[in-house]
Amino acid sequence: MAQLDFFSDYMEGAAPEILERLVATNFEKTPGYGTDVYCASAASKIRAVCGAPDAEVFFLAGGTQTNKTVISALLKPWEGVIAAHTGHISVHEAGAIENGGHKVFELPEHLGKLDPEEVEKAFAAYEADGNRDHMPAPALVYISHPTETGTLYTKAELERLAAVVRRRGAKLYLDGARLGYALGSGQTDVTLADIARTCDAFYIGGTKVGALFGEAVVFPKPGTAPHFFTFMKQQGALTAKGRILGLQFDTLFTDGLYERLGRHADRLADKIRAALEEKGYEVVFGSTTNQIFIRLDNARWEELSRRIGLSFWEKPDAEHTVARIATSWATREEDVDLLIAEL
């Protein structure tokens, strides 16, 4: 039997609806750098679903590029960003933020999330330090939704965190690389409008949710990052054929496609989670989205990884390995059934 692949949620190409539109518009000639009608239409649809009619929307190619560009644009040279120690910018972006000259202040994670009280204490500790003028200043809080381990902020948690950040005169930035799987979860009460209301900046991930590539950055209040277009250009993040990005998001935000793709992956992940628990596997981290994490003894990890495409996550101790199973917008039900049989 061919190996089953549940390694990640960006292994497939793109949703058929996107491919069809790319082919249909292939020979059209449009202005470059996101100034075309498709980018304008996508931005309009995103503003509408976010309930943010004045929002500024920009299209970039990839997640790490987006995080580095947005964070660098929002911070002054002497400022840094607060993140959970498991946050993507802390562990899985090869030090991109620090490479841009900004310190990442790591705080403990609680099911992948930041605790508002600990964030408050971090700001207070800086402000109370008599040597603070010799130190980088925390001025931005980074979160992801879903978190790195697939958990979700509730609306109340997001509001509490936003209140702390605003009280301290800082900004809140949400990494939405897998936002479609958050919005599609049956366990969430957070909408795009809630995110636009509570966050100063966020991005809607396309690369992992049905697009060939692409992320849509949203600044709900105009002027949050002045001259962001020019800054993108300086960072090498401005795509000449911007219409390819815009057309993809225009498609994703037509007839609810983006959330439908997310719901599909979440439903199949729930089916796998239920089977794992029934079979006695130890499911960890409490994810309710498309990522599933299981704790295995090393021998079982070696055996399974020869037959199934799983991704290594971490080694909690010398005898065990945590592996990740990821469904995607394109996962087939029959492959899920084969996976469950193999497990």
C-alpha atoms as a PDB file:
ATOM      1  CA  MET A   1       0.000   0.000   0.000  1.00  0.00           C
ATOM      2  CA  ALA A   2       1.257   3.498  -0.814  1.00  0.00           C
ATOM      3  CA  GLN A   3       2.158   5.576   2.176  1.00  0.00           C
ATOM      4  CA  LEU A   4      -0.668   7.671   3.563  1.00  0.00           C
ATOM      5  CA  ASP A   5       0.382  11.302   3.874  1.00  0.00           C
ATOM      6  CA  PHE A   6      -0.894  13.397   6.763  1.00  0.00           C
ATOM      7  CA  PHE A   7       2.362  15.301   7.100  1.00  0.00           C
ATOM      8  CA  SER A   8       0.979  18.836   6.718  1.00  0.00           C
ATOM      9  CA  ASP A   9      -1.893  20.923   5.380  1.00  0.00           C
ATOM     10  CA  TYR A  10      -0.017  22.454   2.443  1.00  0.00           C
ATOM     11  CA  MET A  11       0.956  19.366   0.456  1.00  0.00           C
ATOM     12  CA  GLU A  12      -1.735  19.689  -2.205  1.00  0.00           C
ATOM     13  CA  GLY A  13      -1.912  22.393  -4.877  1.00  0.00           C
ATOM     14  CA  ALA A  14      -5.027  24.546  -4.798  1.00  0.00           C
ATOM     15  CA  ALA A  15      -8.796  24.319  -4.582  1.00  0.00           C
ATOM     16  CA  PRO A  16     -10.316  23.511  -8.010  1.00  0.00           C
ATOM     17  CA  GLU A  17     -12.327  26.754  -7.920  1.00  0.00           C
ATOM     18  CA  ILE A  18      -9.057  28.702  -7.778  1.00  0.00           C
ATOM     19  CA  LEU A  19      -7.390  26.712 -10.547  1.00  0.00           C
ATOM     20  CA  GLU A  20     -10.414  27.211 -12.793  1.00  0.00           C
ATOM     21  CA  ARG A  21     -10.313  30.984 -12.340  1.00  0.00           C
ATOM     22  CA  LEU A  22      -6.550  31.125 -12.849  1.00  0.00           C
ATOM     23  CA  VAL A  23      -6.934  29.301 -16.155  1.00  0.00           C
ATOM     24  CA  ALA A  24      -9.937  31.392 -17.213  1.00  0.00           C
ATOM     25  CA  THR A  25      -8.097  34.676 -16.586  1.00  0.00           C
ATOM     26  CA  ASN A  26      -4.620  33.536 -17.612  1.00  0.00           C
ATOM     27  CA  PHE A  27      -4.285  35.733 -20.709  1.00  0.00           C
ATOM     28  CA  GLU A  28      -5.811  38.851 -19.225  1.00  0.00           C
ATOM     29  CA  LYS A  29      -3.496  41.825 -18.887  1.00  0.00           C
ATOM     30  CA  THR A  30      -3.768  43.631 -15.569  1.00  0.00           C
ATOM     31  CA  PRO A  31      -1.680  46.220 -13.713  1.00  0.00           C
ATOM     32  CA  GLY A  32       0.951  44.845 -11.343  1.00  0.00           C
ATOM     33  CA  TYR A  33       1.722  44.947  -7.623  1.00  0.00           C
ATOM     34  CA  GLY A  34      -1.812  44.391  -6.375  1.00  0.00           C
ATOM     35  CA  THR A  35      -3.381  47.366  -8.169  1.00  0.00           C
ATOM     36  CA  ASP A  36      -5.646  45.176 -10.325  1.00  0.00           C
ATOM     37  CA  VAL A  37      -9.397  44.580 -10.217  1.00  0.00           C
ATOM     38  CA  TYR A  38      -9.074  41.145  -8.604  1.00  0.00           C
ATOM     39  CA  CYS A  39      -7.088  42.446  -5.639  1.00  0.00           C
ATOM     40  CA  ALA A  40      -9.597  45.274  -5.286  1.00  0.00           C
ATOM     41  CA  SER A  41     -12.516  42.829  -5.358  1.00  0.00           C
ATOM     42  CA  ALA A  42     -10.851  40.492  -2.838  1.00  0.00           C
ATOM     43  CA  ALA A  43     -10.092  43.393  -0.502  1.00  0.00           C
ATOM     44  CA  SER A  44     -13.711  44.558  -0.723  1.00  0.00           C
ATOM     45  CA  LYS A  45     -15.017  41.096   0.164  1.00  0.00           C
ATOM     46  CA  ILE A  46     -12.577  40.794   3.069  1.00  0.00           C
ATOM     47  CA  ARG A  47     -13.605  44.215   4.412  1.00  0.00           C
ATOM     48  CA  ALA A  48     -17.248  43.160   4.249  1.00  0.00           C
ATOM     49  CA  VAL A  49     -16.833  39.864   6.108  1.00  0.00           C
ATOM     50  CA  CYS A  50     -14.614  41.580   8.693  1.00  0.00           C
ATOM     51  CA  GLY A  51     -17.115  44.370   9.247  1.00  0.00           C
ATOM     52  CA  ALA A  52     -14.258  46.823   8.698  1.00  0.00           C
ATOM     53  CA  PRO A  53     -15.201  49.053   5.745  1.00  0.00           C
ATOM     54  CA  ASP A  54     -12.055  51.193   5.979  1.00  0.00           C
ATOM     55  CA  ALA A  55      -9.554  48.360   6.456  1.00  0.00           C
ATOM     56  CA  GLU A  56      -6.349  48.300   4.459  1.00  0.00           C
ATOM     57  CA  VAL A  57      -5.712  44.921   2.810  1.00  0.00           C
ATOM     58  CA  PHE A  58      -2.430  43.752   1.288  1.00  0.00           C
ATOM     59  CA  PHE A  59      -1.470  40.437  -0.322  1.00  0.00           C
ATOM     60  CA  LEU A  60       1.843  38.698   0.375  1.00  0.00           C
ATOM     61  CA  ALA A  61       3.186  35.311  -0.669  1.00  0.00           C
ATOM     62  CA  GLY A  62       4.062  33.358   2.494  1.00  0.00           C
ATOM     63  CA  GLY A  63       3.681  33.165   6.257  1.00  0.00           C
ATOM     64  CA  THR A  64       7.201  33.851   7.522  1.00  0.00           C
ATOM     65  CA  GLN A  65       7.582  36.648   4.982  1.00  0.00           C
ATOM     66  CA  THR A  66       4.296  38.119   6.221  1.00  0.00           C
ATOM     67  CA  ASN A  67       5.167  37.891   9.912  1.00  0.00           C
ATOM     68  CA  LYS A  68       8.561  39.502   9.434  1.00  0.00           C
ATOM     69  CA  THR A  69       7.208  42.272   7.191  1.00  0.00           C
ATOM     70  CA  VAL A  70       4.216  43.157   9.373  1.00  0.00           C
ATOM     71  CA  ILE A  71       6.088  42.984  12.685  1.00  0.00           C
ATOM     72  CA  SER A  72       8.973  45.053  11.328  1.00  0.00           C
ATOM     73  CA  ALA A  73       6.528  47.641   9.981  1.00  0.00           C
ATOM     74  CA  LEU A  74       4.707  47.937  13.306  1.00  0.00           C
ATOM     75  CA  LEU A  75       7.803  48.269  15.514  1.00  0.00           C
ATOM     76  CA  LYS A  76      10.363  51.000  15.943  1.00  0.00           C
ATOM     77  CA  PRO A  77      14.009  49.842  15.842  1.00  0.00           C
ATOM     78  CA  TRP A  78      14.301  49.611  19.643  1.00  0.00           C
ATOM     79  CA  GLU A  79      11.012  47.740  20.167  1.00  0.00           C
ATOM     80  CA  GLY A  80      10.235  44.035  20.481  1.00  0.00           C
ATOM     81  CA  VAL A  81       7.315  41.620  20.376  1.00  0.00           C
ATOM     82  CA  ILE A  82       5.784  39.410  23.088  1.00  0.00           C
ATOM     83  CA  ALA A  83       4.931  35.831  22.053  1.00  0.00           C
ATOM     84  CA  ALA A  84       4.305  32.454  23.658  1.00  0.00           C
ATOM     85  CA  HIS A  85       7.471  30.373  23.811  1.00  0.00           C
ATOM     86  CA  THR A  86       5.738  27.910  21.482  1.00  0.00           C
ATOM     87  CA  GLY A  87       4.674  30.659  19.063  1.00  0.00           C
ATOM     88  CA  HIS A  88       5.595  30.287  15.422  1.00  0.00           C
ATOM     89  CA  ILE A  89       7.865  33.330  15.436  1.00  0.00           C
ATOM     90  CA  SER A  90       9.620  31.890  18.498  1.00  0.00           C
ATOM     91  CA  VAL A  91      10.406  28.408  17.236  1.00  0.00           C
ATOM     92  CA  HIS A  92       9.630  27.760  13.559  1.00  0.00           C
ATOM     93  CA  GLU A  93      10.784  30.826  11.638  1.00  0.00           C
ATOM     94  CA  ALA A  94      14.564  30.441  11.940  1.00  0.00           C
ATOM     95  CA  GLY A  95      14.915  33.635  13.957  1.00  0.00           C
ATOM     96  CA  ALA A  96      13.385  35.789  11.193  1.00  0.00           C
ATOM     97  CA  ILE A  97      12.076  38.413  13.609  1.00  0.00           C
ATOM     98  CA  GLU A  98      15.385  38.732  15.449  1.00  0.00           C
ATOM     99  CA  ASN A  99      17.120  38.850  12.080  1.00  0.00           C
ATOM    100  CA  GLY A 100      15.015  41.911  11.383  1.00  0.00           C
ATOM    101  CA  GLY A 101      16.394  43.546  14.522  1.00  0.00           C
ATOM    102  CA  HIS A 102      13.508  42.989  16.943  1.00  0.00           C
ATOM    103  CA  LYS A 103      13.680  40.977  20.135  1.00  0.00           C
ATOM    104  CA  VAL A 104      11.053  38.293  20.798  1.00  0.00           C
ATOM    105  CA  PHE A 105      10.032  38.309  24.470  1.00  0.00           C
ATOM    106  CA  GLU A 106       8.868  34.765  25.225  1.00  0.00           C
ATOM    107  CA  LEU A 107       6.157  34.079  27.805  1.00  0.00           C
ATOM    108  CA  PRO A 108       4.760  30.717  28.988  1.00  0.00           C
ATOM    109  CA  GLU A 109       2.052  29.083  26.899  1.00  0.00           C
ATOM    110  CA  HIS A 110      -1.221  27.733  28.230  1.00  0.00           C
ATOM    111  CA  LEU A 111      -2.580  25.254  25.693  1.00  0.00           C
ATOM    112  CA  GLY A 112      -0.603  27.297  23.179  1.00  0.00           C
ATOM    113  CA  LYS A 113      -2.143  30.607  24.290  1.00  0.00           C
ATOM    114  CA  LEU A 114      -0.906  33.685  26.113  1.00  0.00           C
ATOM    115  CA  ASP A 115      -2.403  34.554  29.483  1.00  0.00           C
ATOM    116  CA  PRO A 116      -3.525  38.222  29.634  1.00  0.00           C
ATOM    117  CA  GLU A 117      -2.375  38.591  33.251  1.00  0.00           C
ATOM    118  CA  GLU A 118       1.128  37.398  32.365  1.00  0.00           C
ATOM    119  CA  VAL A 119       1.201  39.793  29.423  1.00  0.00           C
ATOM    120  CA  GLU A 120       0.166  42.604  31.777  1.00  0.00           C
ATOM    121  CA  LYS A 121       2.970  41.673  34.177  1.00  0.00           C
ATOM    122  CA  ALA A 122       5.522  41.660  31.340  1.00  0.00           C
ATOM    123  CA  PHE A 123       4.595  45.220  30.383  1.00  0.00           C
ATOM    124  CA  ALA A 124       4.565  46.295  34.029  1.00  0.00           C
ATOM    125  CA  ALA A 125       7.996  44.766  34.679  1.00  0.00           C
ATOM    126  CA  TYR A 126       9.486  46.716  31.787  1.00  0.00           C
ATOM    127  CA  GLU A 127       7.911  49.978  32.863  1.00  0.00           C
ATOM    128  CA  ALA A 128       9.091  49.519  36.459  1.00  0.00           C
ATOM    129  CA  ASP A 129      12.686  48.777  35.456  1.00  0.00           C
ATOM    130  CA  GLY A 130      14.972  51.698  36.183  1.00  0.00           C
ATOM    131  CA  ASN A 131      17.276  50.568  33.365  1.00  0.00           C
ATOM    132  CA  ARG A 132      14.546  50.315  30.731  1.00  0.00           C
ATOM    133  CA  ASP A 133      16.132  52.969  28.521  1.00  0.00           C
ATOM    134  CA  HIS A 134      18.988  50.512  27.995  1.00  0.00           C
ATOM    135  CA  MET A 135      16.611  47.718  26.980  1.00  0.00           C
ATOM    136  CA  PRO A 136      14.353  46.800  24.053  1.00  0.00           C
ATOM    137  CA  ALA A 137      10.749  47.782  24.775  1.00  0.00           C
ATOM    138  CA  PRO A 138       7.775  45.421  24.381  1.00  0.00           C
ATOM    139  CA  ALA A 139       5.386  47.193  22.021  1.00  0.00           C
ATOM    140  CA  LEU A 140       3.556  44.402  20.165  1.00  0.00           C
ATOM    141  CA  VAL A 141       1.854  41.166  21.212  1.00  0.00           C
ATOM    142  CA  TYR A 142       1.863  38.258  18.751  1.00  0.00           C
ATOM    143  CA  ILE A 143      -0.664  35.440  18.873  1.00  0.00           C
ATOM    144  CA  SER A 144      -1.800  32.848  16.367  1.00  0.00           C
ATOM    145  CA  HIS A 145      -5.304  31.496  15.866  1.00  0.00           C
ATOM    146  CA  PRO A 146      -5.254  28.537  15.764  1.00  0.00           C
ATOM    147  CA  THR A 147      -2.197  28.367  17.980  1.00  0.00           C
ATOM    148  CA  GLU A 148       0.866  26.357  17.032  1.00  0.00           C
ATOM    149  CA  THR A 149      -0.760  23.323  18.658  1.00  0.00           C
ATOM    150  CA  GLY A 150      -4.192  23.762  17.095  1.00  0.00           C
ATOM    151  CA  THR A 151      -6.017  25.325  20.042  1.00  0.00           C
ATOM    152  CA  LEU A 152      -8.299  28.333  19.787  1.00  0.00           C
ATOM    153  CA  TYR A 153      -8.769  31.579  21.633  1.00  0.00           C
ATOM    154  CA  THR A 154     -12.328  32.250  22.768  1.00  0.00           C
ATOM    155  CA  LYS A 155     -13.897  35.626  22.077  1.00  0.00           C
ATOM    156  CA  ALA A 156     -13.660  36.466  25.782  1.00  0.00           C
ATOM    157  CA  GLU A 157      -9.948  35.557  25.877  1.00  0.00           C
ATOM    158  CA  LEU A 158      -9.267  37.640  22.796  1.00  0.00           C
ATOM    159  CA  GLU A 159     -11.108  40.612  24.264  1.00  0.00           C
ATOM    160  CA  ARG A 160      -9.251  40.361  27.586  1.00  0.00           C
ATOM    161  CA  LEU A 161      -5.896  40.211  25.818  1.00  0.00           C
ATOM    162  CA  ALA A 162      -6.787  43.137  23.555  1.00  0.00           C
ATOM    163  CA  ALA A 163      -7.798  45.210  26.594  1.00  0.00           C
ATOM    164  CA  VAL A 164      -4.412  44.628  28.231  1.00  0.00           C
ATOM    165  CA  VAL A 165      -2.533  45.489  25.045  1.00  0.00           C
ATOM    166  CA  ARG A 166      -4.472  48.711  24.482  1.00  0.00           C
ATOM    167  CA  ARG A 167      -4.122  49.759  28.098  1.00  0.00           C
ATOM    168  CA  ARG A 168      -0.364  49.527  27.682  1.00  0.00           C
ATOM    169  CA  GLY A 169      -0.356  51.521  24.445  1.00  0.00           C
ATOM    170  CA  ALA A 170       0.859  48.508  22.434  1.00  0.00           C
ATOM    171  CA  LYS A 171      -0.571  46.657  19.421  1.00  0.00           C
ATOM    172  CA  LEU A 172      -2.044  43.178  18.980  1.00  0.00           C
ATOM    173  CA  TYR A 173      -1.113  41.116  15.904  1.00  0.00           C
ATOM    174  CA  LEU A 174      -2.756  37.800  15.005  1.00  0.00           C
ATOM    175  CA  ASP A 175      -1.083  35.213  12.780  1.00  0.00           C
ATOM    176  CA  GLY A 176      -3.851  33.529  10.800  1.00  0.00           C
ATOM    177  CA  ALA A 177      -1.835  31.044   8.761  1.00  0.00           C
ATOM    178  CA  ARG A 178      -4.509  28.419   9.511  1.00  0.00           C
ATOM    179  CA  LEU A 179      -7.354  30.837  10.156  1.00  0.00           C
ATOM    180  CA  GLY A 180      -9.731  28.896   7.912  1.00  0.00           C
ATOM    181  CA  TYR A 181      -9.479  25.930  10.258  1.00  0.00           C
ATOM    182  CA  ALA A 182     -10.240  28.170  13.229  1.00  0.00           C
ATOM    183  CA  LEU A 183     -13.279  29.694  11.572  1.00  0.00           C
ATOM    184  CA  GLY A 184     -14.443  26.233  10.463  1.00  0.00           C
ATOM    185  CA  SER A 185     -14.197  24.651  13.909  1.00  0.00           C
ATOM    186  CA  GLY A 186     -17.388  23.714  15.704  1.00  0.00           C
ATOM    187  CA  GLN A 187     -15.669  24.720  18.946  1.00  0.00           C
ATOM    188  CA  THR A 188     -15.169  28.412  18.184  1.00  0.00           C
ATOM    189  CA  ASP A 189     -17.145  31.549  18.958  1.00  0.00           C
ATOM    190  CA  VAL A 190     -14.658  33.864  17.210  1.00  0.00           C
ATOM    191  CA  THR A 191     -15.516  35.397  13.849  1.00  0.00           C
ATOM    192  CA  LEU A 192     -13.459  37.474  11.436  1.00  0.00           C
ATOM    193  CA  ALA A 193     -15.406  40.496  12.636  1.00  0.00           C
ATOM    194  CA  ASP A 194     -14.313  39.749  16.225  1.00  0.00           C
ATOM    195  CA  ILE A 195     -10.689  39.553  15.093  1.00  0.00           C
ATOM    196  CA  ALA A 196     -10.948  42.830  13.173  1.00  0.00           C
ATOM    197  CA  ARG A 197     -12.507  44.497  16.219  1.00  0.00           C
ATOM    198  CA  THR A 198      -9.878  43.323  18.712  1.00  0.00           C
ATOM    199  CA  CYS A 199      -6.636  43.190  16.688  1.00  0.00           C
ATOM    200  CA  ASP A 200      -4.577  46.006  15.212  1.00  0.00           C
ATOM    201  CA  ALA A 201      -3.317  43.740  12.443  1.00  0.00           C
ATOM    202  CA  PHE A 202      -3.861  40.153  11.338  1.00  0.00           C
ATOM    203  CA  TYR A 203      -3.504  37.992   8.290  1.00  0.00           C
ATOM    204  CA  ILE A 204      -5.789  35.518   6.624  1.00  0.00           C
ATOM    205  CA  GLY A 205      -3.810  32.477   5.561  1.00  0.00           C
ATOM    206  CA  GLY A 206      -4.276  31.080   2.077  1.00  0.00           C
ATOM    207  CA  THR A 207      -1.189  28.884   1.629  1.00  0.00           C
ATOM    208  CA  LYS A 208      -2.482  26.314   4.130  1.00  0.00           C
ATOM    209  CA  VAL A 209      -6.164  26.740   3.334  1.00  0.00           C
ATOM    210  CA  GLY A 210      -6.740  26.090  -0.350  1.00  0.00           C
ATOM    211  CA  ALA A 211      -4.587  28.652  -2.176  1.00  0.00           C
ATOM    212  CA  LEU A 212      -1.511  27.857  -4.236  1.00  0.00           C
ATOM    213  CA  PHE A 213       0.207  30.398  -2.008  1.00  0.00           C
ATOM    214  CA  GLY A 214      -0.660  33.717  -0.433  1.00  0.00           C
ATOM    215  CA  GLU A 215      -1.647  35.544   2.736  1.00  0.00           C
ATOM    216  CA  ALA A 216      -3.965  38.546   3.099  1.00  0.00           C
ATOM    217  CA  VAL A 217      -2.801  41.148   5.628  1.00  0.00           C
ATOM    218  CA  VAL A 218      -5.544  43.249   7.184  1.00  0.00           C
ATOM    219  CA  PHE A 219      -5.125  46.508   9.095  1.00  0.00           C
ATOM    220  CA  PRO A 220      -8.669  47.233  10.337  1.00  0.00           C
ATOM    221  CA  LYS A 221      -7.829  50.901  10.965  1.00  0.00           C
ATOM    222  CA  PRO A 222      -6.141  52.712   8.076  1.00  0.00           C
ATOM    223  CA  GLY A 223      -2.768  54.236   8.816  1.00  0.00           C
ATOM    224  CA  THR A 224      -1.791  51.560  11.341  1.00  0.00           C
ATOM    225  CA  ALA A 225       1.362  50.830   9.310  1.00  0.00           C
ATOM    226  CA  PRO A 226       2.080  53.959   7.242  1.00  0.00           C
ATOM    227  CA  HIS A 227       3.536  53.433   3.769  1.00  0.00           C
ATOM    228  CA  PHE A 228       3.131  49.658   4.116  1.00  0.00           C
ATOM    229  CA  PHE A 229       3.065  49.200   0.332  1.00  0.00           C
ATOM    230  CA  THR A 230       6.495  50.841   0.054  1.00  0.00           C
ATOM    231  CA  PHE A 231       7.770  48.872   3.037  1.00  0.00           C
ATOM    232  CA  MET A 232       6.648  45.623   1.372  1.00  0.00           C
ATOM    233  CA  LYS A 233       8.641  46.593  -1.704  1.00  0.00           C
ATOM    234  CA  GLN A 234      11.726  47.288   0.398  1.00  0.00           C
ATOM    235  CA  GLN A 235      11.415  43.883   2.087  1.00  0.00           C
ATOM    236  CA  GLY A 236      11.064  41.988  -1.190  1.00  0.00           C
ATOM    237  CA  ALA A 237       7.480  41.124  -0.264  1.00  0.00           C
ATOM    238  CA  LEU A 238       5.683  42.913  -3.099  1.00  0.00           C
ATOM    239  CA  THR A 239       4.625  40.504  -5.855  1.00  0.00           C
ATOM    240  CA  ALA A 240       4.737  41.912  -9.397  1.00  0.00           C
ATOM    241  CA  LYS A 241       1.957  39.563 -10.576  1.00  0.00           C
ATOM    242  CA  GLY A 242      -0.174  40.565  -7.621  1.00  0.00           C
ATOM    243  CA  ARG A 243      -3.384  39.647  -9.394  1.00  0.00           C
ATOM    244  CA  ILE A 244      -2.537  35.957  -8.871  1.00  0.00           C
ATOM    245  CA  LEU A 245      -2.783  36.549  -5.123  1.00  0.00           C
ATOM    246  CA  GLY A 246      -5.853  38.742  -5.333  1.00  0.00           C
ATOM    247  CA  LEU A 247      -7.753  36.387  -7.603  1.00  0.00           C
ATOM    248  CA  GLN A 248      -7.162  33.508  -5.184  1.00  0.00           C
ATOM    249  CA  PHE A 249      -8.571  35.450  -2.232  1.00  0.00           C
ATOM    250  CA  ASP A 250     -11.407  36.783  -4.339  1.00  0.00           C
ATOM    251  CA  THR A 251     -12.313  33.144  -4.982  1.00  0.00           C
ATOM    252  CA  LEU A 252     -11.809  32.013  -1.372  1.00  0.00           C
ATOM    253  CA  PHE A 253     -14.186  34.750  -0.199  1.00  0.00           C
ATOM    254  CA  THR A 254     -16.896  33.960  -2.733  1.00  0.00           C
ATOM    255  CA  ASP A 255     -19.875  31.905  -1.492  1.00  0.00           C
ATOM    256  CA  GLY A 256     -18.170  31.051   1.810  1.00  0.00           C
ATOM    257  CA  LEU A 257     -15.493  28.843   0.210  1.00  0.00           C
ATOM    258  CA  TYR A 258     -12.790  29.718   2.750  1.00  0.00           C
ATOM    259  CA  GLU A 259     -14.794  28.561   5.767  1.00  0.00           C
ATOM    260  CA  ARG A 260     -16.149  25.525   3.916  1.00  0.00           C
ATOM    261  CA  LEU A 261     -12.616  24.323   3.213  1.00  0.00           C
ATOM    262  CA  GLY A 262     -11.770  24.782   6.881  1.00  0.00           C
ATOM    263  CA  ARG A 263     -14.848  22.897   8.073  1.00  0.00           C
ATOM    264  CA  HIS A 264     -14.007  19.968   5.806  1.00  0.00           C
ATOM    265  CA  ALA A 265     -10.552  19.531   7.341  1.00  0.00           C
ATOM    266  CA  ASP A 266     -11.853  19.983  10.897  1.00  0.00           C
ATOM    267  CA  ARG A 267     -14.608  17.406  10.443  1.00  0.00           C
ATOM    268  CA  LEU A 268     -12.134  14.780   9.245  1.00  0.00           C
ATOM    269  CA  ALA A 269      -9.710  15.656  12.048  1.00  0.00           C
ATOM    270  CA  ASP A 270     -12.532  15.137  14.565  1.00  0.00           C
ATOM    271  CA  LYS A 271     -13.178  11.720  13.037  1.00  0.00           C
ATOM    272  CA  ILE A 272      -9.495  10.791  13.441  1.00  0.00           C
ATOM    273  CA  ARG A 273      -9.404  12.130  17.027  1.00  0.00           C
ATOM    274  CA  ALA A 274     -12.408  10.022  17.992  1.00  0.00           C
ATOM    275  CA  ALA A 275     -10.795   6.895  16.502  1.00  0.00           C
ATOM    276  CA  LEU A 276      -7.484   7.578  18.238  1.00  0.00           C
ATOM    277  CA  GLU A 277      -9.159   7.913  21.612  1.00  0.00           C
ATOM    278  CA  GLU A 278     -11.185   4.756  20.990  1.00  0.00           C
ATOM    279  CA  LYS A 279      -7.995   2.859  20.141  1.00  0.00           C
ATOM    280  CA  GLY A 280      -6.220   4.076  23.287  1.00  0.00           C
ATOM    281  CA  TYR A 281      -3.773   6.575  21.804  1.00  0.00           C
ATOM    282  CA  GLU A 282      -2.704   9.509  23.967  1.00  0.00           C
ATOM    283  CA  VAL A 283      -3.902  12.658  22.217  1.00  0.00           C
ATOM    284  CA  VAL A 284      -2.147  15.746  23.598  1.00  0.00           C
ATOM    285  CA  PHE A 285      -2.360  19.570  23.519  1.00  0.00           C
ATOM    286  CA  GLY A 286      -6.143  19.804  23.199  1.00  0.00           C
ATOM    287  CA  SER A 287      -6.398  20.835  19.548  1.00  0.00           C
ATOM    288  CA  THR A 288      -9.919  21.252  18.179  1.00  0.00           C
ATOM    289  CA  THR A 289      -8.863  22.098  14.624  1.00  0.00           C
ATOM    290  CA  ASN A 290      -7.132  20.244  11.797  1.00  0.00           C
ATOM    291  CA  GLN A 291      -3.937  19.342  13.667  1.00  0.00           C
ATOM    292  CA  ILE A 292      -3.833  16.281  15.911  1.00  0.00           C
ATOM    293  CA  PHE A 293      -0.918  15.476  18.214  1.00  0.00           C
ATOM    294  CA  ILE A 294      -0.241  12.022  19.666  1.00  0.00           C
ATOM    295  CA  ARG A 295       2.344  10.902  22.197  1.00  0.00           C
ATOM    296  CA  LEU A 296       4.012   7.644  21.163  1.00  0.00           C
ATOM    297  CA  ASP A 297       6.784   5.505  22.523  1.00  0.00           C
ATOM    298  CA  ASN A 298       9.772   5.681  20.203  1.00  0.00           C
ATOM    299  CA  ALA A 299       9.338   2.167  18.804  1.00  0.00           C
ATOM    300  CA  ARG A 300       5.725   2.871  17.851  1.00  0.00           C
ATOM    301  CA  TRP A 301       6.767   6.195  16.302  1.00  0.00           C
ATOM    302  CA  GLU A 302       9.367   4.445  14.150  1.00  0.00           C
ATOM    303  CA  GLU A 303       6.879   1.783  13.089  1.00  0.00           C
ATOM    304  CA  LEU A 304       4.079   4.200  12.190  1.00  0.00           C
ATOM    305  CA  SER A 305       6.310   6.702  10.407  1.00  0.00           C
ATOM    306  CA  ARG A 306       7.456   3.973   8.006  1.00  0.00           C
ATOM    307  CA  ARG A 307       3.868   3.456   6.857  1.00  0.00           C
ATOM    308  CA  ILE A 308       2.173   6.809   7.396  1.00  0.00           C
ATOM    309  CA  GLY A 309       3.303  10.331   6.601  1.00  0.00           C
ATOM    310  CA  LEU A 310       3.352  11.908  10.062  1.00  0.00           C
ATOM    311  CA  SER A 311       5.440  14.883  11.122  1.00  0.00           C
ATOM    312  CA  PHE A 312       7.810  14.885  14.064  1.00  0.00           C
ATOM    313  CA  TRP A 313       6.784  17.485  16.613  1.00  0.00           C
ATOM    314  CA  GLU A 314       8.945  17.097  19.725  1.00  0.00           C
ATOM    315  CA  LYS A 315      10.539  14.674  22.140  1.00  0.00           C
ATOM    316  CA  PRO A 316       9.030  15.253  25.589  1.00  0.00           C
ATOM    317  CA  ASP A 317      11.505  12.745  27.047  1.00  0.00           C
ATOM    318  CA  ALA A 318      14.044  10.153  25.914  1.00  0.00           C
ATOM    319  CA  GLU A 319      11.443   7.389  25.518  1.00  0.00           C
ATOM    320  CA  HIS A 320       8.655   9.197  23.690  1.00  0.00           C
ATOM    321  CA  THR A 321       7.954  11.217  20.554  1.00  0.00           C
ATOM    322  CA  VAL A 322       5.044  13.546  19.876  1.00  0.00           C
ATOM    323  CA  ALA A 323       3.865  13.236  16.272  1.00  0.00           C
ATOM    324  CA  ARG A 324       1.442  15.414  14.337  1.00  0.00           C
ATOM    325  CA  ILE A 325      -1.335  14.273  12.035  1.00  0.00           C
ATOM    326  CA  ALA A 326      -2.708  17.088   9.865  1.00  0.00           C
ATOM    327  CA  THR A 327      -5.791  17.062   7.703  1.00  0.00           C
ATOM    328  CA  SER A 328      -6.285  19.703   5.030  1.00  0.00           C
ATOM    329  CA  TRP A 329      -8.908  21.318   2.858  1.00  0.00           C
ATOM    330  CA  ALA A 330      -8.207  18.534   0.317  1.00  0.00           C
ATOM    331  CA  THR A 331      -8.047  15.452   2.582  1.00  0.00           C
ATOM    332  CA  ARG A 332     -10.143  12.570   1.248  1.00  0.00           C
ATOM    333  CA  GLU A 333     -12.541  10.663   3.482  1.00  0.00           C
ATOM    334  CA  GLU A 334     -11.277   7.350   2.102  1.00  0.00           C
ATOM    335  CA  ASP A 335      -7.723   8.219   3.156  1.00  0.00           C
ATOM    336  CA  VAL A 336      -8.944   9.018   6.649  1.00  0.00           C
ATOM    337  CA  ASP A 337     -10.631   5.602   6.792  1.00  0.00           C
ATOM    338  CA  LEU A 338      -7.378   3.933   5.646  1.00  0.00           C
ATOM    339  CA  LEU A 339      -5.438   5.875   8.290  1.00  0.00           C
ATOM    340  CA  ILE A 340      -7.814   4.771  11.019  1.00  0.00           C
ATOM    341  CA  ALA A 341      -7.489   1.145   9.862  1.00  0.00           C
ATOM    342  CA  GLU A 342      -3.680   1.418   9.899  1.00  0.00           C
ATOM    343  CA  LEU A 343      -3.694   2.877  13.397  1.00  0.00           C
END
